[in-house]
């Protein structure tokens, strides 16, 4: 199925990104320890480590959604069987997919690309029209615009929507296959 292949390809990229950000967090922390031991602290390293960790968490959550790895108390689910168990898992898939769609919608409102384009990408005009200063606010020590760091939210929303939809469709298809076998 096309949706499964697409989701699995995104998953492979996310897995590589996850490793990259894990290495980044470790590298930044080690760099911070070394530079501080020589009394030459690089303050931007703390911020870079934090942002790497935030990106790592969101990419990892998207990977977990696709792999259906969630923190759960499964005592009730383990006691269920057949159609009831399927329905509970289907509700879980629907909740995950609905949350991803909601986050996608919130990200669209937050970044407001239509208004940004309508103002001719004039950040001051955009900010005065929307009272949204996200495109102008720099990070504390690195000095890049924060919207670059916050791009993980809409990215997570897109990938989680894809993975949530894939899981939902796969659940429905697997149930149809089970019913056909019975």
C-alpha atoms as a PDB file:
ATOM      1  CA  UNK A   1       0.000   0.000   0.000  1.00  0.00           C
ATOM      2  CA  UNK A   2       1.303   3.456  -0.961  1.00  0.00           C
ATOM      3  CA  UNK A   3       0.499   5.002   2.423  1.00  0.00           C
ATOM      4  CA  UNK A   4       2.463   2.325   4.289  1.00  0.00           C
ATOM      5  CA  UNK A   5       5.470   2.680   1.984  1.00  0.00           C
ATOM      6  CA  UNK A   6       5.444   6.473   2.349  1.00  0.00           C
ATOM      7  CA  UNK A   7       5.132   6.276   6.128  1.00  0.00           C
ATOM      8  CA  UNK A   8       7.944   3.712   6.316  1.00  0.00           C
ATOM      9  CA  UNK A   9      10.220   5.897   4.165  1.00  0.00           C
ATOM     10  CA  UNK A  10       9.539   8.875   6.434  1.00  0.00           C
ATOM     11  CA  UNK A  11      10.213   6.588   9.394  1.00  0.00           C
ATOM     12  CA  UNK A  12      13.651   5.689   8.001  1.00  0.00           C
ATOM     13  CA  UNK A  13      14.542   9.373   7.607  1.00  0.00           C
ATOM     14  CA  UNK A  14      13.247  10.093  11.119  1.00  0.00           C
ATOM     15  CA  UNK A  15      15.343   7.258  12.538  1.00  0.00           C
ATOM     16  CA  UNK A  16      18.467   8.782  10.976  1.00  0.00           C
ATOM     17  CA  UNK A  17      17.499  12.239  12.272  1.00  0.00           C
ATOM     18  CA  UNK A  18      16.906  10.787  15.709  1.00  0.00           C
ATOM     19  CA  UNK A  19      20.431   9.380  15.764  1.00  0.00           C
ATOM     20  CA  UNK A  20      21.795  12.703  14.516  1.00  0.00           C
ATOM     21  CA  UNK A  21      20.070  14.683  17.268  1.00  0.00           C
ATOM     22  CA  UNK A  22      21.100  12.155  19.921  1.00  0.00           C
ATOM     23  CA  UNK A  23      24.701  12.558  18.811  1.00  0.00           C
ATOM     24  CA  UNK A  24      24.201  16.327  18.764  1.00  0.00           C
ATOM     25  CA  UNK A  25      22.996  16.415  22.361  1.00  0.00           C
ATOM     26  CA  UNK A  26      25.923  14.264  23.463  1.00  0.00           C
ATOM     27  CA  UNK A  27      28.404  16.297  21.419  1.00  0.00           C
ATOM     28  CA  UNK A  28      27.153  19.649  22.700  1.00  0.00           C
ATOM     29  CA  UNK A  29      27.203  18.486  26.312  1.00  0.00           C
ATOM     30  CA  UNK A  30      30.733  17.105  25.960  1.00  0.00           C
ATOM     31  CA  UNK A  31      31.872  20.311  24.256  1.00  0.00           C
ATOM     32  CA  UNK A  32      30.322  22.266  27.104  1.00  0.00           C
ATOM     33  CA  UNK A  33      32.144  20.166  29.732  1.00  0.00           C
ATOM     34  CA  UNK A  34      35.491  20.535  27.949  1.00  0.00           C
ATOM     35  CA  UNK A  35      35.219  24.277  27.363  1.00  0.00           C
ATOM     36  CA  UNK A  36      34.073  24.955  30.912  1.00  0.00           C
ATOM     37  CA  UNK A  37      36.946  22.904  32.309  1.00  0.00           C
ATOM     38  CA  UNK A  38      39.292  25.314  30.525  1.00  0.00           C
ATOM     39  CA  UNK A  39      37.316  28.291  31.913  1.00  0.00           C
ATOM     40  CA  UNK A  40      36.181  29.199  28.419  1.00  0.00           C
ATOM     41  CA  UNK A  41      32.428  28.639  28.439  1.00  0.00           C
ATOM     42  CA  UNK A  42      30.605  28.787  25.131  1.00  0.00           C
ATOM     43  CA  UNK A  43      27.133  29.930  26.122  1.00  0.00           C
ATOM     44  CA  UNK A  44      25.508  29.079  22.823  1.00  0.00           C
ATOM     45  CA  UNK A  45      26.364  25.403  23.389  1.00  0.00           C
ATOM     46  CA  UNK A  46      23.809  25.119  26.202  1.00  0.00           C
ATOM     47  CA  UNK A  47      21.095  26.488  23.948  1.00  0.00           C
ATOM     48  CA  UNK A  48      22.134  24.259  21.044  1.00  0.00           C
ATOM     49  CA  UNK A  49      22.023  21.191  23.317  1.00  0.00           C
ATOM     50  CA  UNK A  50      18.543  22.127  24.489  1.00  0.00           C
ATOM     51  CA  UNK A  51      17.262  22.631  20.947  1.00  0.00           C
ATOM     52  CA  UNK A  52      18.844  19.368  19.821  1.00  0.00           C
ATOM     53  CA  UNK A  53      17.137  17.580  22.670  1.00  0.00           C
ATOM     54  CA  UNK A  54      13.772  19.160  21.861  1.00  0.00           C
ATOM     55  CA  UNK A  55      14.062  18.121  18.209  1.00  0.00           C
ATOM     56  CA  UNK A  56      15.190  14.651  19.312  1.00  0.00           C
ATOM     57  CA  UNK A  57      12.103  14.267  21.517  1.00  0.00           C
ATOM     58  CA  UNK A  58       9.654  15.312  18.803  1.00  0.00           C
ATOM     59  CA  UNK A  59      11.285  13.143  16.136  1.00  0.00           C
ATOM     60  CA  UNK A  60      11.345  10.260  18.629  1.00  0.00           C
ATOM     61  CA  UNK A  61       7.660  10.746  19.404  1.00  0.00           C
ATOM     62  CA  UNK A  62       6.825  10.553  15.714  1.00  0.00           C
ATOM     63  CA  UNK A  63       8.847   7.339  15.416  1.00  0.00           C
ATOM     64  CA  UNK A  64       7.018   5.957  18.451  1.00  0.00           C
ATOM     65  CA  UNK A  65       3.638   6.772  16.894  1.00  0.00           C
ATOM     66  CA  UNK A  66       4.483   4.864  13.724  1.00  0.00           C
ATOM     67  CA  UNK A  67       5.793   1.895  15.708  1.00  0.00           C
ATOM     68  CA  UNK A  68       2.769   2.033  18.044  1.00  0.00           C
ATOM     69  CA  UNK A  69       5.084   2.351  21.015  1.00  0.00           C
ATOM     70  CA  UNK A  70       3.205   4.231  23.660  1.00  0.00           C
ATOM     71  CA  UNK A  71       3.272   4.342  27.396  1.00  0.00           C
ATOM     72  CA  UNK A  72       0.226   2.425  28.478  1.00  0.00           C
ATOM     73  CA  UNK A  73      -1.281   0.386  31.241  1.00  0.00           C
ATOM     74  CA  UNK A  74      -2.360  -2.658  29.280  1.00  0.00           C
ATOM     75  CA  UNK A  75      -4.048  -4.708  31.980  1.00  0.00           C
ATOM     76  CA  UNK A  76      -7.524  -3.939  30.600  1.00  0.00           C
ATOM     77  CA  UNK A  77      -6.467  -4.276  26.969  1.00  0.00           C
ATOM     78  CA  UNK A  78      -4.787  -7.612  27.718  1.00  0.00           C
ATOM     79  CA  UNK A  79      -8.073  -8.966  29.084  1.00  0.00           C
ATOM     80  CA  UNK A  80      -9.989  -7.998  25.945  1.00  0.00           C
ATOM     81  CA  UNK A  81     -10.225 -10.175  22.892  1.00  0.00           C
ATOM     82  CA  UNK A  82     -11.510 -10.094  19.343  1.00  0.00           C
ATOM     83  CA  UNK A  83     -13.738  -7.257  18.252  1.00  0.00           C
ATOM     84  CA  UNK A  84     -13.617  -5.396  21.585  1.00  0.00           C
ATOM     85  CA  UNK A  85      -9.834  -5.315  21.567  1.00  0.00           C
ATOM     86  CA  UNK A  86      -9.885  -4.167  17.956  1.00  0.00           C
ATOM     87  CA  UNK A  87     -12.325  -1.348  18.786  1.00  0.00           C
ATOM     88  CA  UNK A  88     -10.178  -0.112  21.701  1.00  0.00           C
ATOM     89  CA  UNK A  89      -7.076  -0.099  19.490  1.00  0.00           C
ATOM     90  CA  UNK A  90      -9.068   1.655  16.765  1.00  0.00           C
ATOM     91  CA  UNK A  91     -10.154   4.361  19.227  1.00  0.00           C
ATOM     92  CA  UNK A  92      -6.510   4.820  20.243  1.00  0.00           C
ATOM     93  CA  UNK A  93      -5.521   5.183  16.572  1.00  0.00           C
ATOM     94  CA  UNK A  94      -8.338   7.700  16.063  1.00  0.00           C
ATOM     95  CA  UNK A  95      -7.248   9.748  19.080  1.00  0.00           C
ATOM     96  CA  UNK A  96      -3.625   9.850  17.870  1.00  0.00           C
ATOM     97  CA  UNK A  97      -4.696  10.816  14.345  1.00  0.00           C
ATOM     98  CA  UNK A  98      -7.117  13.465  15.666  1.00  0.00           C
ATOM     99  CA  UNK A  99      -4.422  14.967  17.890  1.00  0.00           C
ATOM    100  CA  UNK A 100      -2.026  15.119  14.932  1.00  0.00           C
ATOM    101  CA  UNK A 101      -4.647  16.862  12.783  1.00  0.00           C
ATOM    102  CA  UNK A 102      -5.344  19.331  15.599  1.00  0.00           C
ATOM    103  CA  UNK A 103      -1.631  20.075  15.960  1.00  0.00           C
ATOM    104  CA  UNK A 104      -1.373  20.547  12.193  1.00  0.00           C
ATOM    105  CA  UNK A 105      -4.223  23.049  12.310  1.00  0.00           C
ATOM    106  CA  UNK A 106      -2.694  24.915  15.281  1.00  0.00           C
ATOM    107  CA  UNK A 107       0.678  25.037  13.493  1.00  0.00           C
ATOM    108  CA  UNK A 108      -0.991  26.496  10.400  1.00  0.00           C
ATOM    109  CA  UNK A 109      -2.588  29.227  12.506  1.00  0.00           C
ATOM    110  CA  UNK A 110       0.650  29.859  14.400  1.00  0.00           C
ATOM    111  CA  UNK A 111       2.899  30.171  11.342  1.00  0.00           C
ATOM    112  CA  UNK A 112       0.134  31.846   9.306  1.00  0.00           C
ATOM    113  CA  UNK A 113       1.800  31.440   5.900  1.00  0.00           C
ATOM    114  CA  UNK A 114      -1.084  33.058   3.990  1.00  0.00           C
ATOM    115  CA  UNK A 115      -0.834  36.346   5.887  1.00  0.00           C
ATOM    116  CA  UNK A 116       2.959  36.185   5.638  1.00  0.00           C
ATOM    117  CA  UNK A 117       2.681  35.873   1.837  1.00  0.00           C
ATOM    118  CA  UNK A 118       0.004  38.595   1.685  1.00  0.00           C
ATOM    119  CA  UNK A 119       2.353  41.004   3.464  1.00  0.00           C
ATOM    120  CA  UNK A 120       5.023  40.245   0.873  1.00  0.00           C
ATOM    121  CA  UNK A 121       7.138  38.465   3.503  1.00  0.00           C
ATOM    122  CA  UNK A 122       7.561  41.808   5.272  1.00  0.00           C
ATOM    123  CA  UNK A 123       8.069  40.639   8.844  1.00  0.00           C
ATOM    124  CA  UNK A 124       7.246  43.997  10.422  1.00  0.00           C
ATOM    125  CA  UNK A 125       3.990  44.248   8.477  1.00  0.00           C
ATOM    126  CA  UNK A 126       3.140  40.656   9.382  1.00  0.00           C
ATOM    127  CA  UNK A 127       3.819  41.290  13.080  1.00  0.00           C
ATOM    128  CA  UNK A 128       1.821  44.515  13.201  1.00  0.00           C
ATOM    129  CA  UNK A 129      -1.108  42.910  11.391  1.00  0.00           C
ATOM    130  CA  UNK A 130      -1.242  39.678  13.398  1.00  0.00           C
ATOM    131  CA  UNK A 131       0.529  40.569  16.678  1.00  0.00           C
ATOM    132  CA  UNK A 132       2.539  37.418  16.018  1.00  0.00           C
ATOM    133  CA  UNK A 133       6.242  38.191  16.447  1.00  0.00           C
ATOM    134  CA  UNK A 134       7.522  34.658  15.968  1.00  0.00           C
ATOM    135  CA  UNK A 135       9.383  35.460  12.754  1.00  0.00           C
ATOM    136  CA  UNK A 136      11.284  38.338  14.350  1.00  0.00           C
ATOM    137  CA  UNK A 137      12.196  36.854  17.738  1.00  0.00           C
ATOM    138  CA  UNK A 138      15.809  35.575  17.858  1.00  0.00           C
ATOM    139  CA  UNK A 139      17.120  32.805  20.069  1.00  0.00           C
ATOM    140  CA  UNK A 140      18.913  33.992  23.193  1.00  0.00           C
ATOM    141  CA  UNK A 141      22.521  33.098  22.431  1.00  0.00           C
ATOM    142  CA  UNK A 142      22.693  31.539  18.976  1.00  0.00           C
ATOM    143  CA  UNK A 143      20.917  34.492  17.422  1.00  0.00           C
ATOM    144  CA  UNK A 144      18.890  32.704  14.731  1.00  0.00           C
ATOM    145  CA  UNK A 145      15.159  33.388  14.381  1.00  0.00           C
ATOM    146  CA  UNK A 146      13.206  31.142  16.750  1.00  0.00           C
ATOM    147  CA  UNK A 147      10.782  30.038  14.068  1.00  0.00           C
ATOM    148  CA  UNK A 148      13.572  27.832  12.682  1.00  0.00           C
ATOM    149  CA  UNK A 149      13.769  26.036  16.015  1.00  0.00           C
ATOM    150  CA  UNK A 150       9.982  25.864  16.343  1.00  0.00           C
ATOM    151  CA  UNK A 151       9.648  24.258  12.896  1.00  0.00           C
ATOM    152  CA  UNK A 152       9.797  20.922  14.704  1.00  0.00           C
ATOM    153  CA  UNK A 153       6.173  21.428  15.791  1.00  0.00           C
ATOM    154  CA  UNK A 154       4.623  21.578  12.289  1.00  0.00           C
ATOM    155  CA  UNK A 155       7.105  18.950  11.095  1.00  0.00           C
ATOM    156  CA  UNK A 156       6.018  16.670  13.927  1.00  0.00           C
ATOM    157  CA  UNK A 157       2.375  17.432  13.116  1.00  0.00           C
ATOM    158  CA  UNK A 158       2.856  16.448   9.467  1.00  0.00           C
ATOM    159  CA  UNK A 159       4.765  13.237  10.163  1.00  0.00           C
ATOM    160  CA  UNK A 160       2.469  12.209  13.002  1.00  0.00           C
ATOM    161  CA  UNK A 161      -0.587  12.847  10.842  1.00  0.00           C
ATOM    162  CA  UNK A 162       0.930  10.594   8.183  1.00  0.00           C
ATOM    163  CA  UNK A 163       1.857   7.885  10.692  1.00  0.00           C
ATOM    164  CA  UNK A 164      -1.474   8.156  12.522  1.00  0.00           C
ATOM    165  CA  UNK A 165      -3.435   7.838   9.285  1.00  0.00           C
ATOM    166  CA  UNK A 166      -1.277   4.898   8.203  1.00  0.00           C
ATOM    167  CA  UNK A 167      -1.817   3.120  11.524  1.00  0.00           C
ATOM    168  CA  UNK A 168      -5.566   3.759  11.320  1.00  0.00           C
ATOM    169  CA  UNK A 169      -5.845   2.432   7.765  1.00  0.00           C
ATOM    170  CA  UNK A 170      -3.653  -0.573   8.586  1.00  0.00           C
ATOM    171  CA  UNK A 171      -5.847  -1.377  11.597  1.00  0.00           C
ATOM    172  CA  UNK A 172      -8.988  -1.253   9.487  1.00  0.00           C
ATOM    173  CA  UNK A 173      -7.447  -3.362   6.724  1.00  0.00           C
ATOM    174  CA  UNK A 174      -6.110  -5.950   9.163  1.00  0.00           C
ATOM    175  CA  UNK A 175      -9.571  -6.295  10.716  1.00  0.00           C
ATOM    176  CA  UNK A 176     -11.102  -6.870   7.286  1.00  0.00           C
ATOM    177  CA  UNK A 177      -8.482  -9.564   6.613  1.00  0.00           C
ATOM    178  CA  UNK A 178      -9.248 -11.210   9.963  1.00  0.00           C
ATOM    179  CA  UNK A 179     -12.974 -11.204   9.250  1.00  0.00           C
ATOM    180  CA  UNK A 180     -12.364 -12.709   5.807  1.00  0.00           C
ATOM    181  CA  UNK A 181     -10.326 -15.543   7.360  1.00  0.00           C
ATOM    182  CA  UNK A 182     -13.016 -16.309   9.982  1.00  0.00           C
END
